[in-house]
Amino acid sequence: MRIAYGSEWQIFLEKPLECHHIDFKFKQRMQVEFIKENALLIGLAVGSGITLLWPLLNRGAAGVPNISPTEAVMLMSRSKPLILDVRDAAEFDVGHIQGAKHIPLAELAGRMKE
């Protein structure tokens, strides 16, 4: 039986094609060809997996815990927190949390005493 895979190599088998008759190098070549032909799809699968896992991996980065909006409302109702909005003035004017202190991020280092 003659089997041709791709244009680079050919294998001739005298026995019927069965999985245990295929040698190891043939399997390796098939795997390498599969990876070459499907590199874009493999990359997309890996990239989408990383994208889905990123929020879980990034949770609590830089020692600052992330809280949900519900948790934020609960904390705000229990105590009088300082809410610091570091967005620029245009974004702050569009909408902000009531009672939030506005210090643009560019000015934050110079106004830390406030």
C-alpha atoms as a PDB file:
ATOM      1  CA  MET A   1       0.000   0.000   0.000  1.00  0.00           C
ATOM      2  CA  ARG A   2       1.392   3.425  -0.900  1.00  0.00           C
ATOM      3  CA  ILE A   3       0.739   6.389   1.371  1.00  0.00           C
ATOM      4  CA  ALA A   4       1.839   9.873   0.414  1.00  0.00           C
ATOM      5  CA  TYR A   5       1.596  12.702   2.907  1.00  0.00           C
ATOM      6  CA  GLY A   6       2.497  16.148   1.701  1.00  0.00           C
ATOM      7  CA  SER A   7       4.959  16.698  -1.095  1.00  0.00           C
ATOM      8  CA  GLU A   8       8.140  16.075   0.916  1.00  0.00           C
ATOM      9  CA  TRP A   9       7.971  12.360   1.765  1.00  0.00           C
ATOM     10  CA  GLN A  10       6.256   9.078   0.947  1.00  0.00           C
ATOM     11  CA  ILE A  11       5.980   5.791   2.805  1.00  0.00           C
ATOM     12  CA  PHE A  12       5.354   2.374   1.352  1.00  0.00           C
ATOM     13  CA  LEU A  13       3.742  -0.284   3.542  1.00  0.00           C
ATOM     14  CA  GLU A  14       3.286  -3.924   2.713  1.00  0.00           C
ATOM     15  CA  LYS A  15       0.879  -4.670   5.565  1.00  0.00           C
ATOM     16  CA  PRO A  16      -2.571  -3.114   5.974  1.00  0.00           C
ATOM     17  CA  LEU A  17      -2.429   0.302   7.598  1.00  0.00           C
ATOM     18  CA  GLU A  18      -3.048  -0.070  11.320  1.00  0.00           C
ATOM     19  CA  CYS A  19      -2.060   2.215  14.155  1.00  0.00           C
ATOM     20  CA  HIS A  20       0.467  -0.192  15.694  1.00  0.00           C
ATOM     21  CA  HIS A  21       2.248  -0.668  12.365  1.00  0.00           C
ATOM     22  CA  ILE A  22       3.009   3.031  11.940  1.00  0.00           C
ATOM     23  CA  ASP A  23       6.482   3.753  13.185  1.00  0.00           C
ATOM     24  CA  PHE A  24       7.346   6.478  15.688  1.00  0.00           C
ATOM     25  CA  LYS A  25       9.043   8.795  13.165  1.00  0.00           C
ATOM     26  CA  PHE A  26       5.989   8.668  10.936  1.00  0.00           C
ATOM     27  CA  LYS A  27       3.801   9.734  13.876  1.00  0.00           C
ATOM     28  CA  GLN A  28       6.208  12.547  14.707  1.00  0.00           C
ATOM     29  CA  ARG A  29       6.166  13.794  11.125  1.00  0.00           C
ATOM     30  CA  MET A  30       2.374  13.738  11.099  1.00  0.00           C
ATOM     31  CA  GLN A  31       2.277  15.734  14.335  1.00  0.00           C
ATOM     32  CA  VAL A  32       4.763  18.297  13.032  1.00  0.00           C
ATOM     33  CA  GLU A  33       2.789  18.651   9.796  1.00  0.00           C
ATOM     34  CA  PHE A  34      -0.434  19.064  11.776  1.00  0.00           C
ATOM     35  CA  ILE A  35       1.121  21.814  13.893  1.00  0.00           C
ATOM     36  CA  LYS A  36       2.516  23.582  10.811  1.00  0.00           C
ATOM     37  CA  GLU A  37      -0.800  23.441   8.963  1.00  0.00           C
ATOM     38  CA  ASN A  38      -2.852  24.540  11.978  1.00  0.00           C
ATOM     39  CA  ALA A  39      -0.506  27.026  13.653  1.00  0.00           C
ATOM     40  CA  LEU A  40      -2.991  29.876  13.345  1.00  0.00           C
ATOM     41  CA  LEU A  41      -5.822  27.871  14.898  1.00  0.00           C
ATOM     42  CA  ILE A  42      -3.574  26.604  17.688  1.00  0.00           C
ATOM     43  CA  GLY A  43      -2.443  30.177  18.376  1.00  0.00           C
ATOM     44  CA  LEU A  44      -6.035  31.403  18.473  1.00  0.00           C
ATOM     45  CA  ALA A  45      -7.007  28.640  20.905  1.00  0.00           C
ATOM     46  CA  VAL A  46      -4.082  29.408  23.220  1.00  0.00           C
ATOM     47  CA  GLY A  47      -4.709  33.158  22.985  1.00  0.00           C
ATOM     48  CA  SER A  48      -8.407  32.860  23.764  1.00  0.00           C
ATOM     49  CA  GLY A  49      -7.613  30.594  26.710  1.00  0.00           C
ATOM     50  CA  ILE A  50      -5.190  33.137  28.124  1.00  0.00           C
ATOM     51  CA  THR A  51      -7.728  35.908  27.556  1.00  0.00           C
ATOM     52  CA  LEU A  52     -10.351  33.974  29.490  1.00  0.00           C
ATOM     53  CA  LEU A  53      -7.987  33.176  32.367  1.00  0.00           C
ATOM     54  CA  TRP A  54      -6.329  36.604  32.594  1.00  0.00           C
ATOM     55  CA  PRO A  55      -8.894  38.167  34.978  1.00  0.00           C
ATOM     56  CA  LEU A  56      -8.480  35.228  37.366  1.00  0.00           C
ATOM     57  CA  LEU A  57      -4.695  35.436  37.228  1.00  0.00           C
ATOM     58  CA  ASN A  58      -4.644  39.221  37.570  1.00  0.00           C
ATOM     59  CA  ARG A  59      -7.029  39.383  40.540  1.00  0.00           C
ATOM     60  CA  GLY A  60      -5.499  41.288  43.420  1.00  0.00           C
ATOM     61  CA  ALA A  61      -2.407  42.364  41.502  1.00  0.00           C
ATOM     62  CA  ALA A  62      -0.049  44.897  43.066  1.00  0.00           C
ATOM     63  CA  GLY A  63      -1.372  44.141  46.543  1.00  0.00           C
ATOM     64  CA  VAL A  64      -4.632  46.014  45.944  1.00  0.00           C
ATOM     65  CA  PRO A  65      -7.708  43.819  46.285  1.00  0.00           C
ATOM     66  CA  ASN A  66     -10.437  44.073  43.676  1.00  0.00           C
ATOM     67  CA  ILE A  67     -13.991  44.326  44.938  1.00  0.00           C
ATOM     68  CA  SER A  68     -17.298  43.972  43.148  1.00  0.00           C
ATOM     69  CA  PRO A  69     -19.785  46.855  42.847  1.00  0.00           C
ATOM     70  CA  THR A  70     -22.007  45.161  45.443  1.00  0.00           C
ATOM     71  CA  GLU A  71     -19.116  44.923  47.901  1.00  0.00           C
ATOM     72  CA  ALA A  72     -18.275  48.584  47.270  1.00  0.00           C
ATOM     73  CA  VAL A  73     -21.856  49.677  48.057  1.00  0.00           C
ATOM     74  CA  MET A  74     -21.834  47.591  51.253  1.00  0.00           C
ATOM     75  CA  LEU A  75     -18.547  49.149  52.383  1.00  0.00           C
ATOM     76  CA  MET A  76     -19.794  52.643  51.574  1.00  0.00           C
ATOM     77  CA  SER A  77     -22.992  52.155  53.583  1.00  0.00           C
ATOM     78  CA  ARG A  78     -21.092  50.880  56.670  1.00  0.00           C
ATOM     79  CA  SER A  79     -18.558  53.691  56.903  1.00  0.00           C
ATOM     80  CA  LYS A  80     -17.620  57.020  55.381  1.00  0.00           C
ATOM     81  CA  PRO A  81     -14.906  56.016  52.900  1.00  0.00           C
ATOM     82  CA  LEU A  82     -12.694  58.324  50.886  1.00  0.00           C
ATOM     83  CA  ILE A  83     -13.461  57.758  47.231  1.00  0.00           C
ATOM     84  CA  LEU A  84     -10.705  59.130  45.048  1.00  0.00           C
ATOM     85  CA  ASP A  85     -11.438  59.566  41.348  1.00  0.00           C
ATOM     86  CA  VAL A  86      -8.201  59.853  39.348  1.00  0.00           C
ATOM     87  CA  ARG A  87      -9.723  60.222  35.887  1.00  0.00           C
ATOM     88  CA  ASP A  88      -9.221  63.433  33.914  1.00  0.00           C
ATOM     89  CA  ALA A  89     -11.633  66.340  34.332  1.00  0.00           C
ATOM     90  CA  ALA A  90     -13.672  65.628  31.204  1.00  0.00           C
ATOM     91  CA  GLU A  91     -14.396  62.050  32.294  1.00  0.00           C
ATOM     92  CA  PHE A  92     -15.181  63.187  35.838  1.00  0.00           C
ATOM     93  CA  ASP A  93     -17.656  65.781  34.540  1.00  0.00           C
ATOM     94  CA  VAL A  94     -19.504  63.148  32.500  1.00  0.00           C
ATOM     95  CA  GLY A  95     -20.283  61.195  35.661  1.00  0.00           C
ATOM     96  CA  HIS A  96     -18.833  60.221  38.996  1.00  0.00           C
ATOM     97  CA  ILE A  97     -19.708  58.710  42.360  1.00  0.00           C
ATOM     98  CA  GLN A  98     -21.448  61.207  44.621  1.00  0.00           C
ATOM     99  CA  GLY A  99     -19.015  62.595  47.186  1.00  0.00           C
ATOM    100  CA  ALA A 100     -15.912  61.417  45.325  1.00  0.00           C
ATOM    101  CA  LYS A 101     -12.771  63.527  45.631  1.00  0.00           C
ATOM    102  CA  HIS A 102     -11.349  64.362  42.200  1.00  0.00           C
ATOM    103  CA  ILE A 103      -7.574  64.471  41.746  1.00  0.00           C
ATOM    104  CA  PRO A 104      -6.372  63.718  38.194  1.00  0.00           C
ATOM    105  CA  LEU A 105      -3.753  60.974  38.056  1.00  0.00           C
ATOM    106  CA  ALA A 106      -1.162  63.369  36.582  1.00  0.00           C
ATOM    107  CA  GLU A 107      -1.490  65.597  39.699  1.00  0.00           C
ATOM    108  CA  LEU A 108      -1.742  62.823  42.285  1.00  0.00           C
ATOM    109  CA  ALA A 109       1.941  62.705  43.317  1.00  0.00           C
ATOM    110  CA  GLY A 110       2.006  66.465  44.021  1.00  0.00           C
ATOM    111  CA  ARG A 111      -1.286  66.471  45.956  1.00  0.00           C
ATOM    112  CA  MET A 112      -0.735  63.455  48.241  1.00  0.00           C
ATOM    113  CA  LYS A 113      -1.063  65.621  51.394  1.00  0.00           C
ATOM    114  CA  GLU A 114      -4.698  66.392  50.578  1.00  0.00           C
END
